Amino acid sequence: MTPISAQTYALTVLEWLAGRDDLLELFLGSTGSTLQSMKENAQEASFLISVLDFLMMDDQWVLECCDDTDLDPNKMRVARLAFPGGEEMHWT
């Protein structure tokens, strides 16, 4: 997956998340983001990584999002890794 296709994938996820009031509130609360900062940072790789990381906290959210948007759920992690700076952290 290219960085451009990862960005497209993540923007689709962000659009879906923005339409889910229950999850959006949880996302905003857990990330410290606001609706304004979401608009301002929607093109930033680090912000889009945070969107994907948030959704991947719950397999059901991933499946619901992908069902609603026709995204491949197996590519969500791949999209995250395709961003500059999106490499997995190894803490050991």
PDB file of N, CA and C in Angstrom:
ATOM      1  N   MET A   1       0.853  -1.169   0.000  1.00  0.00           N
ATOM      2  CA  MET A   1       0.000   0.000   0.000  1.00  0.00           C
ATOM      3  C   MET A   1       0.902   1.236   0.000  1.00  0.00           C
ATOM      4  N   THR A   2       0.565   2.182  -0.829  1.00  0.00           N
ATOM      5  CA  THR A   2       1.334   3.421  -0.908  1.00  0.00           C
ATOM      6  C   THR A   2       0.859   4.408   0.166  1.00  0.00           C
ATOM      7  N   PRO A   3       1.676   5.395   0.489  1.00  0.00           N
ATOM      8  CA  PRO A   3       1.218   6.404   1.437  1.00  0.00           C
ATOM      9  C   PRO A   3      -0.054   7.127   0.979  1.00  0.00           C
ATOM     10  N   ILE A   4      -0.202   7.345  -0.319  1.00  0.00           N
ATOM     11  CA  ILE A   4      -1.417   8.007  -0.834  1.00  0.00           C
ATOM     12  C   ILE A   4      -2.642   7.121  -0.636  1.00  0.00           C
ATOM     13  N   SER A   5      -2.523   5.833  -0.930  1.00  0.00           N
ATOM     14  CA  SER A   5      -3.678   4.946  -0.737  1.00  0.00           C
ATOM     15  C   SER A   5      -3.966   4.750   0.745  1.00  0.00           C
ATOM     16  N   ALA A   6      -2.930   4.783   1.585  1.00  0.00           N
ATOM     17  CA  ALA A   6      -3.148   4.710   3.033  1.00  0.00           C
ATOM     18  C   ALA A   6      -3.897   5.942   3.512  1.00  0.00           C
ATOM     19  N   GLN A   7      -3.552   7.100   2.968  1.00  0.00           N
ATOM     20  CA  GLN A   7      -4.241   8.343   3.341  1.00  0.00           C
ATOM     21  C   GLN A   7      -5.704   8.280   2.924  1.00  0.00           C
ATOM     22  N   THR A   8      -5.966   7.800   1.724  1.00  0.00           N
ATOM     23  CA  THR A   8      -7.348   7.662   1.246  1.00  0.00           C
ATOM     24  C   THR A   8      -8.126   6.711   2.145  1.00  0.00           C
ATOM     25  N   TYR A   9      -7.505   5.595   2.483  1.00  0.00           N
ATOM     26  CA  TYR A   9      -8.135   4.610   3.365  1.00  0.00           C
ATOM     27  C   TYR A   9      -8.476   5.263   4.709  1.00  0.00           C
ATOM     28  N   ALA A  10      -7.490   5.943   5.316  1.00  0.00           N
ATOM     29  CA  ALA A  10      -7.692   6.546   6.633  1.00  0.00           C
ATOM     30  C   ALA A  10      -8.712   7.677   6.592  1.00  0.00           C
ATOM     31  N   LEU A  11      -8.744   8.436   5.520  1.00  0.00           N
ATOM     32  CA  LEU A  11      -9.751   9.498   5.406  1.00  0.00           C
ATOM     33  C   LEU A  11     -11.157   8.918   5.313  1.00  0.00           C
ATOM     34  N   THR A  12     -11.286   7.774   4.677  1.00  0.00           N
ATOM     35  CA  THR A  12     -12.579   7.088   4.622  1.00  0.00           C
ATOM     36  C   THR A  12     -12.986   6.640   6.022  1.00  0.00           C
ATOM     37  N   VAL A  13     -12.029   6.123   6.771  1.00  0.00           N
ATOM     38  CA  VAL A  13     -12.296   5.727   8.158  1.00  0.00           C
ATOM     39  C   VAL A  13     -12.686   6.948   8.986  1.00  0.00           C
ATOM     40  N   LEU A  14     -11.963   8.047   8.812  1.00  0.00           N
ATOM     41  CA  LEU A  14     -12.271   9.272   9.553  1.00  0.00           C
ATOM     42  C   LEU A  14     -13.671   9.776   9.228  1.00  0.00           C
ATOM     43  N   GLU A  15     -14.046   9.735   7.971  1.00  0.00           N
ATOM     44  CA  GLU A  15     -15.395  10.160   7.581  1.00  0.00           C
ATOM     45  C   GLU A  15     -16.443   9.284   8.259  1.00  0.00           C
ATOM     46  N   TRP A  16     -16.196   7.980   8.284  1.00  0.00           N
ATOM     47  CA  TRP A  16     -17.123   7.060   8.945  1.00  0.00           C
ATOM     48  C   TRP A  16     -17.200   7.381  10.439  1.00  0.00           C
ATOM     49  N   LEU A  17     -16.032   7.588  11.058  1.00  0.00           N
ATOM     50  CA  LEU A  17     -15.985   7.886  12.484  1.00  0.00           C
ATOM     51  C   LEU A  17     -16.733   9.176  12.803  1.00  0.00           C
ATOM     52  N   ALA A  18     -16.598  10.166  11.953  1.00  0.00           N
ATOM     53  CA  ALA A  18     -17.271  11.453  12.169  1.00  0.00           C
ATOM     54  C   ALA A  18     -18.789  11.312  12.126  1.00  0.00           C
ATOM     55  N   GLY A  19     -19.280  10.294  11.471  1.00  0.00           N
ATOM     56  CA  GLY A  19     -20.714  10.058  11.391  1.00  0.00           C
ATOM     57  C   GLY A  19     -21.267   9.203  12.514  1.00  0.00           C
ATOM     58  N   ARG A  20     -20.402   8.737  13.381  1.00  0.00           N
ATOM     59  CA  ARG A  20     -20.803   7.897  14.508  1.00  0.00           C
ATOM     60  C   ARG A  20     -20.652   8.681  15.799  1.00  0.00           C
ATOM     61  N   ASP A  21     -21.708   9.366  16.225  1.00  0.00           N
ATOM     62  CA  ASP A  21     -21.630  10.255  17.389  1.00  0.00           C
ATOM     63  C   ASP A  21     -21.059   9.569  18.628  1.00  0.00           C
ATOM     64  N   ASP A  22     -21.474   8.326  18.871  1.00  0.00           N
ATOM     65  CA  ASP A  22     -21.013   7.619  20.065  1.00  0.00           C
ATOM     66  C   ASP A  22     -19.498   7.404  20.025  1.00  0.00           C
ATOM     67  N   LEU A  23     -18.984   6.947  18.903  1.00  0.00           N
ATOM     68  CA  LEU A  23     -17.552   6.701  18.786  1.00  0.00           C
ATOM     69  C   LEU A  23     -16.763   7.993  18.642  1.00  0.00           C
ATOM     70  N   LEU A  24     -17.331   8.965  17.966  1.00  0.00           N
ATOM     71  CA  LEU A  24     -16.643  10.239  17.788  1.00  0.00           C
ATOM     72  C   LEU A  24     -16.378  10.887  19.142  1.00  0.00           C
ATOM     73  N   GLU A  25     -17.370  10.871  19.995  1.00  0.00           N
ATOM     74  CA  GLU A  25     -17.208  11.429  21.341  1.00  0.00           C
ATOM     75  C   GLU A  25     -16.104  10.710  22.106  1.00  0.00           C
ATOM     76  N   LEU A  26     -16.076   9.399  21.983  1.00  0.00           N
ATOM     77  CA  LEU A  26     -15.048   8.598  22.648  1.00  0.00           C
ATOM     78  C   LEU A  26     -13.664   8.910  22.060  1.00  0.00           C
ATOM     79  N   PHE A  27     -13.588   9.040  20.737  1.00  0.00           N
ATOM     80  CA  PHE A  27     -12.326   9.388  20.077  1.00  0.00           C
ATOM     81  C   PHE A  27     -11.826  10.750  20.539  1.00  0.00           C
ATOM     82  N   LEU A  28     -12.714  11.729  20.528  1.00  0.00           N
ATOM     83  CA  LEU A  28     -12.323  13.076  20.941  1.00  0.00           C
ATOM     84  C   LEU A  28     -11.835  13.085  22.384  1.00  0.00           C
ATOM     85  N   GLY A  29     -12.559  12.387  23.237  1.00  0.00           N
ATOM     86  CA  GLY A  29     -12.178  12.336  24.646  1.00  0.00           C
ATOM     87  C   GLY A  29     -10.866  11.619  24.887  1.00  0.00           C
ATOM     88  N   SER A  30     -10.625  10.551  24.147  1.00  0.00           N
ATOM     89  CA  SER A  30      -9.407   9.772  24.392  1.00  0.00           C
ATOM     90  C   SER A  30      -8.176  10.375  23.732  1.00  0.00           C
ATOM     91  N   THR A  31      -8.348  11.182  22.711  1.00  0.00           N
ATOM     92  CA  THR A  31      -7.192  11.768  22.018  1.00  0.00           C
ATOM     93  C   THR A  31      -6.961  13.224  22.379  1.00  0.00           C
ATOM     94  N   GLY A  32      -7.938  13.855  23.016  1.00  0.00           N
ATOM     95  CA  GLY A  32      -7.822  15.270  23.311  1.00  0.00           C
ATOM     96  C   GLY A  32      -8.075  16.145  22.098  1.00  0.00           C
ATOM     97  N   SER A  33      -8.550  15.544  21.031  1.00  0.00           N
ATOM     98  CA  SER A  33      -8.872  16.302  19.814  1.00  0.00           C
ATOM     99  C   SER A  33     -10.190  17.034  19.983  1.00  0.00           C
ATOM    100  N   THR A  34     -10.398  18.010  19.130  1.00  0.00           N
ATOM    101  CA  THR A  34     -11.673  18.711  19.038  1.00  0.00           C
ATOM    102  C   THR A  34     -12.136  18.611  17.599  1.00  0.00           C
ATOM    103  N   LEU A  35     -13.375  18.992  17.350  1.00  0.00           N
ATOM    104  CA  LEU A  35     -13.851  18.986  15.964  1.00  0.00           C
ATOM    105  C   LEU A  35     -13.001  19.912  15.105  1.00  0.00           C
ATOM    106  N   GLN A  36     -12.606  21.038  15.672  1.00  0.00           N
ATOM    107  CA  GLN A  36     -11.766  21.983  14.932  1.00  0.00           C
ATOM    108  C   GLN A  36     -10.395  21.379  14.619  1.00  0.00           C
ATOM    109  N   SER A  37      -9.784  20.748  15.599  1.00  0.00           N
ATOM    110  CA  SER A  37      -8.458  20.164  15.362  1.00  0.00           C
ATOM    111  C   SER A  37      -8.535  18.988  14.390  1.00  0.00           C
ATOM    112  N   MET A  38      -9.672  18.285  14.390  1.00  0.00           N
ATOM    113  CA  MET A  38      -9.846  17.212  13.405  1.00  0.00           C
ATOM    114  C   MET A  38      -9.808  17.786  12.000  1.00  0.00           C
ATOM    115  N   LYS A  39     -10.513  18.891  11.781  1.00  0.00           N
ATOM    116  CA  LYS A  39     -10.528  19.526  10.466  1.00  0.00           C
ATOM    117  C   LYS A  39      -9.138  20.007  10.086  1.00  0.00           C
ATOM    118  N   GLU A  40      -8.437  20.605  11.045  1.00  0.00           N
ATOM    119  CA  GLU A  40      -7.115  21.159  10.782  1.00  0.00           C
ATOM    120  C   GLU A  40      -6.063  20.085  10.523  1.00  0.00           C
ATOM    121  N   ASN A  41      -6.214  18.932  11.147  1.00  0.00           N
ATOM    122  CA  ASN A  41      -5.193  17.887  11.076  1.00  0.00           C
ATOM    123  C   ASN A  41      -5.555  16.694  10.203  1.00  0.00           C
ATOM    124  N   ALA A  42      -6.667  16.764   9.507  1.00  0.00           N
ATOM    125  CA  ALA A  42      -7.153  15.615   8.744  1.00  0.00           C
ATOM    126  C   ALA A  42      -6.184  15.134   7.668  1.00  0.00           C
ATOM    127  N   GLN A  43      -5.270  15.973   7.243  1.00  0.00           N
ATOM    128  CA  GLN A  43      -4.307  15.569   6.216  1.00  0.00           C
ATOM    129  C   GLN A  43      -2.961  15.150   6.811  1.00  0.00           C
ATOM    130  N   GLU A  44      -2.817  15.256   8.117  1.00  0.00           N
ATOM    131  CA  GLU A  44      -1.553  14.938   8.785  1.00  0.00           C
ATOM    132  C   GLU A  44      -1.446  13.435   9.050  1.00  0.00           C
ATOM    133  N   ALA A  45      -0.310  12.869   8.686  1.00  0.00           N
ATOM    134  CA  ALA A  45      -0.096  11.433   8.865  1.00  0.00           C
ATOM    135  C   ALA A  45      -0.265  11.016  10.323  1.00  0.00           C
ATOM    136  N   SER A  46       0.300  11.782  11.243  1.00  0.00           N
ATOM    137  CA  SER A  46       0.217  11.393  12.652  1.00  0.00           C
ATOM    138  C   SER A  46      -1.226  11.372  13.157  1.00  0.00           C
ATOM    139  N   PHE A  47      -2.038  12.297  12.679  1.00  0.00           N
ATOM    140  CA  PHE A  47      -3.443  12.308  13.086  1.00  0.00           C
ATOM    141  C   PHE A  47      -4.181  11.109  12.490  1.00  0.00           C
ATOM    142  N   LEU A  48      -3.949  10.835  11.211  1.00  0.00           N
ATOM    143  CA  LEU A  48      -4.627   9.704  10.571  1.00  0.00           C
ATOM    144  C   LEU A  48      -4.192   8.379  11.196  1.00  0.00           C
ATOM    145  N   ILE A  49      -2.930   8.292  11.611  1.00  0.00           N
ATOM    146  CA  ILE A  49      -2.483   7.103  12.336  1.00  0.00           C
ATOM    147  C   ILE A  49      -3.277   6.959  13.630  1.00  0.00           C
ATOM    148  N   SER A  50      -3.509   8.074  14.319  1.00  0.00           N
ATOM    149  CA  SER A  50      -4.273   8.005  15.572  1.00  0.00           C
ATOM    150  C   SER A  50      -5.709   7.558  15.324  1.00  0.00           C
ATOM    151  N   VAL A  51      -6.280   7.939  14.193  1.00  0.00           N
ATOM    152  CA  VAL A  51      -7.634   7.497  13.847  1.00  0.00           C
ATOM    153  C   VAL A  51      -7.644   5.982  13.661  1.00  0.00           C
ATOM    154  N   LEU A  52      -6.690   5.481  12.903  1.00  0.00           N
ATOM    155  CA  LEU A  52      -6.626   4.030  12.669  1.00  0.00           C
ATOM    156  C   LEU A  52      -6.331   3.283  13.965  1.00  0.00           C
ATOM    157  N   ASP A  53      -5.402   3.806  14.768  1.00  0.00           N
ATOM    158  CA  ASP A  53      -5.095   3.156  16.050  1.00  0.00           C
ATOM    159  C   ASP A  53      -6.325   3.101  16.948  1.00  0.00           C
ATOM    160  N   PHE A  54      -7.075   4.181  17.000  1.00  0.00           N
ATOM    161  CA  PHE A  54      -8.284   4.215  17.816  1.00  0.00           C
ATOM    162  C   PHE A  54      -9.259   3.136  17.368  1.00  0.00           C
ATOM    163  N   LEU A  55      -9.523   3.083  16.081  1.00  0.00           N
ATOM    164  CA  LEU A  55     -10.513   2.125  15.596  1.00  0.00           C
ATOM    165  C   LEU A  55     -10.044   0.691  15.812  1.00  0.00           C
ATOM    166  N   MET A  56      -8.739   0.446  15.674  1.00  0.00           N
ATOM    167  CA  MET A  56      -8.223  -0.912  15.823  1.00  0.00           C
ATOM    168  C   MET A  56      -8.198  -1.389  17.272  1.00  0.00           C
ATOM    169  N   MET A  57      -8.608  -0.529  18.205  1.00  0.00           N
ATOM    170  CA  MET A  57      -8.724  -0.972  19.597  1.00  0.00           C
ATOM    171  C   MET A  57      -9.854  -1.982  19.770  1.00  0.00           C
ATOM    172  N   ASP A  58     -10.784  -2.018  18.821  1.00  0.00           N
ATOM    173  CA  ASP A  58     -11.940  -2.908  18.950  1.00  0.00           C
ATOM    174  C   ASP A  58     -12.237  -3.542  17.588  1.00  0.00           C
ATOM    175  N   ASP A  59     -12.124  -4.850  17.522  1.00  0.00           N
ATOM    176  CA  ASP A  59     -12.361  -5.549  16.255  1.00  0.00           C
ATOM    177  C   ASP A  59     -13.754  -5.274  15.695  1.00  0.00           C
ATOM    178  N   GLN A  60     -14.732  -5.122  16.573  1.00  0.00           N
ATOM    179  CA  GLN A  60     -16.097  -4.870  16.119  1.00  0.00           C
ATOM    180  C   GLN A  60     -16.200  -3.530  15.407  1.00  0.00           C
ATOM    181  N   TRP A  61     -15.490  -2.518  15.916  1.00  0.00           N
ATOM    182  CA  TRP A  61     -15.490  -1.215  15.250  1.00  0.00           C
ATOM    183  C   TRP A  61     -14.887  -1.325  13.857  1.00  0.00           C
ATOM    184  N   VAL A  62     -13.801  -2.077  13.761  1.00  0.00           N
ATOM    185  CA  VAL A  62     -13.151  -2.276  12.448  1.00  0.00           C
ATOM    186  C   VAL A  62     -14.126  -2.922  11.486  1.00  0.00           C
ATOM    187  N   LEU A  63     -14.777  -3.973  11.928  1.00  0.00           N
ATOM    188  CA  LEU A  63     -15.706  -4.694  11.050  1.00  0.00           C
ATOM    189  C   LEU A  63     -16.899  -3.833  10.655  1.00  0.00           C
ATOM    190  N   GLU A  64     -17.452  -3.082  11.607  1.00  0.00           N
ATOM    191  CA  GLU A  64     -18.579  -2.202  11.288  1.00  0.00           C
ATOM    192  C   GLU A  64     -18.170  -1.136  10.278  1.00  0.00           C
ATOM    193  N   CYS A  65     -17.033  -0.523  10.514  1.00  0.00           N
ATOM    194  CA  CYS A  65     -16.540   0.516   9.599  1.00  0.00           C
ATOM    195  C   CYS A  65     -16.342  -0.058   8.203  1.00  0.00           C
ATOM    196  N   CYS A  66     -15.677  -1.174   8.134  1.00  0.00           N
ATOM    197  CA  CYS A  66     -15.373  -1.771   6.827  1.00  0.00           C
ATOM    198  C   CYS A  66     -16.630  -2.276   6.116  1.00  0.00           C
ATOM    199  N   ASP A  67     -17.580  -2.784   6.879  1.00  0.00           N
ATOM    200  CA  ASP A  67     -18.860  -3.187   6.276  1.00  0.00           C
ATOM    201  C   ASP A  67     -19.584  -1.980   5.691  1.00  0.00           C
ATOM    202  N   ASP A  68     -19.566  -0.883   6.412  1.00  0.00           N
ATOM    203  CA  ASP A  68     -20.290   0.316   5.976  1.00  0.00           C
ATOM    204  C   ASP A  68     -19.596   1.048   4.830  1.00  0.00           C
ATOM    205  N   THR A  69     -18.278   0.901   4.714  1.00  0.00           N
ATOM    206  CA  THR A  69     -17.521   1.684   3.735  1.00  0.00           C
ATOM    207  C   THR A  69     -16.927   0.858   2.604  1.00  0.00           C
ATOM    208  N   ASP A  70     -17.134  -0.440   2.644  1.00  0.00           N
ATOM    209  CA  ASP A  70     -16.554  -1.363   1.651  1.00  0.00           C
ATOM    210  C   ASP A  70     -15.034  -1.380   1.665  1.00  0.00           C
ATOM    211  N   LEU A  71     -14.451  -1.058   2.810  1.00  0.00           N
ATOM    212  CA  LEU A  71     -13.005  -1.187   2.965  1.00  0.00           C
ATOM    213  C   LEU A  71     -12.678  -2.617   3.370  1.00  0.00           C
ATOM    214  N   ASP A  72     -11.475  -3.048   3.042  1.00  0.00           N
ATOM    215  CA  ASP A  72     -10.995  -4.366   3.436  1.00  0.00           C
ATOM    216  C   ASP A  72     -10.448  -4.266   4.865  1.00  0.00           C
ATOM    217  N   PRO A  73     -11.044  -4.980   5.816  1.00  0.00           N
ATOM    218  CA  PRO A  73     -10.578  -4.872   7.195  1.00  0.00           C
ATOM    219  C   PRO A  73      -9.134  -5.363   7.369  1.00  0.00           C
ATOM    220  N   ASN A  74      -8.686  -6.245   6.512  1.00  0.00           N
ATOM    221  CA  ASN A  74      -7.316  -6.749   6.601  1.00  0.00           C
ATOM    222  C   ASN A  74      -6.287  -5.705   6.193  1.00  0.00           C
ATOM    223  N   LYS A  75      -6.725  -4.622   5.584  1.00  0.00           N
ATOM    224  CA  LYS A  75      -5.801  -3.589   5.133  1.00  0.00           C
ATOM    225  C   LYS A  75      -5.680  -2.423   6.108  1.00  0.00           C
ATOM    226  N   MET A  76      -6.451  -2.443   7.191  1.00  0.00           N
ATOM    227  CA  MET A  76      -6.382  -1.317   8.118  1.00  0.00           C
ATOM    228  C   MET A  76      -4.992  -1.223   8.752  1.00  0.00           C
ATOM    229  N   ARG A  77      -4.465  -2.308   9.215  1.00  0.00           N
ATOM    230  CA  ARG A  77      -3.121  -2.316   9.801  1.00  0.00           C
ATOM    231  C   ARG A  77      -2.081  -1.986   8.740  1.00  0.00           C
ATOM    232  N   VAL A  78      -2.263  -2.514   7.542  1.00  0.00           N
ATOM    233  CA  VAL A  78      -1.343  -2.244   6.433  1.00  0.00           C
ATOM    234  C   VAL A  78      -1.335  -0.750   6.116  1.00  0.00           C
ATOM    235  N   ALA A  79      -2.509  -0.137   6.131  1.00  0.00           N
ATOM    236  CA  ALA A  79      -2.601   1.303   5.879  1.00  0.00           C
ATOM    237  C   ALA A  79      -1.845   2.072   6.950  1.00  0.00           C
ATOM    238  N   ARG A  80      -2.013   1.682   8.181  1.00  0.00           N
ATOM    239  CA  ARG A  80      -1.321   2.359   9.280  1.00  0.00           C
ATOM    240  C   ARG A  80       0.191   2.286   9.097  1.00  0.00           C
ATOM    241  N   LEU A  81       0.680   1.123   8.727  1.00  0.00           N
ATOM    242  CA  LEU A  81       2.117   0.931   8.557  1.00  0.00           C
ATOM    243  C   LEU A  81       2.669   1.659   7.337  1.00  0.00           C
ATOM    244  N   ALA A  82       1.817   1.986   6.382  1.00  0.00           N
ATOM    245  CA  ALA A  82       2.262   2.640   5.145  1.00  0.00           C
ATOM    246  C   ALA A  82       2.519   4.133   5.312  1.00  0.00           C
ATOM    247  N   PHE A  83       2.034   4.707   6.407  1.00  0.00           N
ATOM    248  CA  PHE A  83       2.266   6.134   6.639  1.00  0.00           C
ATOM    249  C   PHE A  83       3.713   6.382   7.035  1.00  0.00           C
ATOM    250  N   PRO A  84       4.255   7.527   6.630  1.00  0.00           N
ATOM    251  CA  PRO A  84       5.572   7.902   7.141  1.00  0.00           C
ATOM    252  C   PRO A  84       5.489   8.009   8.665  1.00  0.00           C
ATOM    253  N   GLY A  85       6.370   7.317   9.338  1.00  0.00           N
ATOM    254  CA  GLY A  85       6.336   7.301  10.796  1.00  0.00           C
ATOM    255  C   GLY A  85       5.343   6.305  11.361  1.00  0.00           C
ATOM    256  N   GLY A  86       4.708   5.515  10.523  1.00  0.00           N
ATOM    257  CA  GLY A  86       3.686   4.579  10.977  1.00  0.00           C
ATOM    258  C   GLY A  86       4.197   3.199  11.310  1.00  0.00           C
ATOM    259  N   GLU A  87       5.516   3.043  11.332  1.00  0.00           N
ATOM    260  CA  GLU A  87       6.080   1.741  11.635  1.00  0.00           C
ATOM    261  C   GLU A  87       5.660   1.301  13.030  1.00  0.00           C
ATOM    262  N   GLU A  88       5.604   0.000  13.207  1.00  0.00           N
ATOM    263  CA  GLU A  88       5.255  -0.519  14.528  1.00  0.00           C
ATOM    264  C   GLU A  88       6.377  -0.222  15.511  1.00  0.00           C
ATOM    265  N   MET A  89       5.988   0.085  16.722  1.00  0.00           N
ATOM    266  CA  MET A  89       6.956   0.321  17.780  1.00  0.00           C
ATOM    267  C   MET A  89       7.297  -1.021  18.409  1.00  0.00           C
ATOM    268  N   HIS A  90       8.559  -1.239  18.629  1.00  0.00           N
ATOM    269  CA  HIS A  90       9.024  -2.446  19.333  1.00  0.00           C
ATOM    270  C   HIS A  90       9.607  -1.992  20.657  1.00  0.00           C
ATOM    271  N   TRP A  91       8.946  -2.365  21.717  1.00  0.00           N
ATOM    272  CA  TRP A  91       9.314  -1.868  23.038  1.00  0.00           C
ATOM    273  C   TRP A  91      10.322  -2.766  23.745  1.00  0.00           C
ATOM    274  N   THR A  92      10.746  -3.842  23.096  1.00  0.00           N
ATOM    275  CA  THR A  92      11.712  -4.725  23.762  1.00  0.00           C
ATOM    276  C   THR A  92      13.082  -4.553  23.176  1.00  0.00           C
TER     277      THR A  92
END
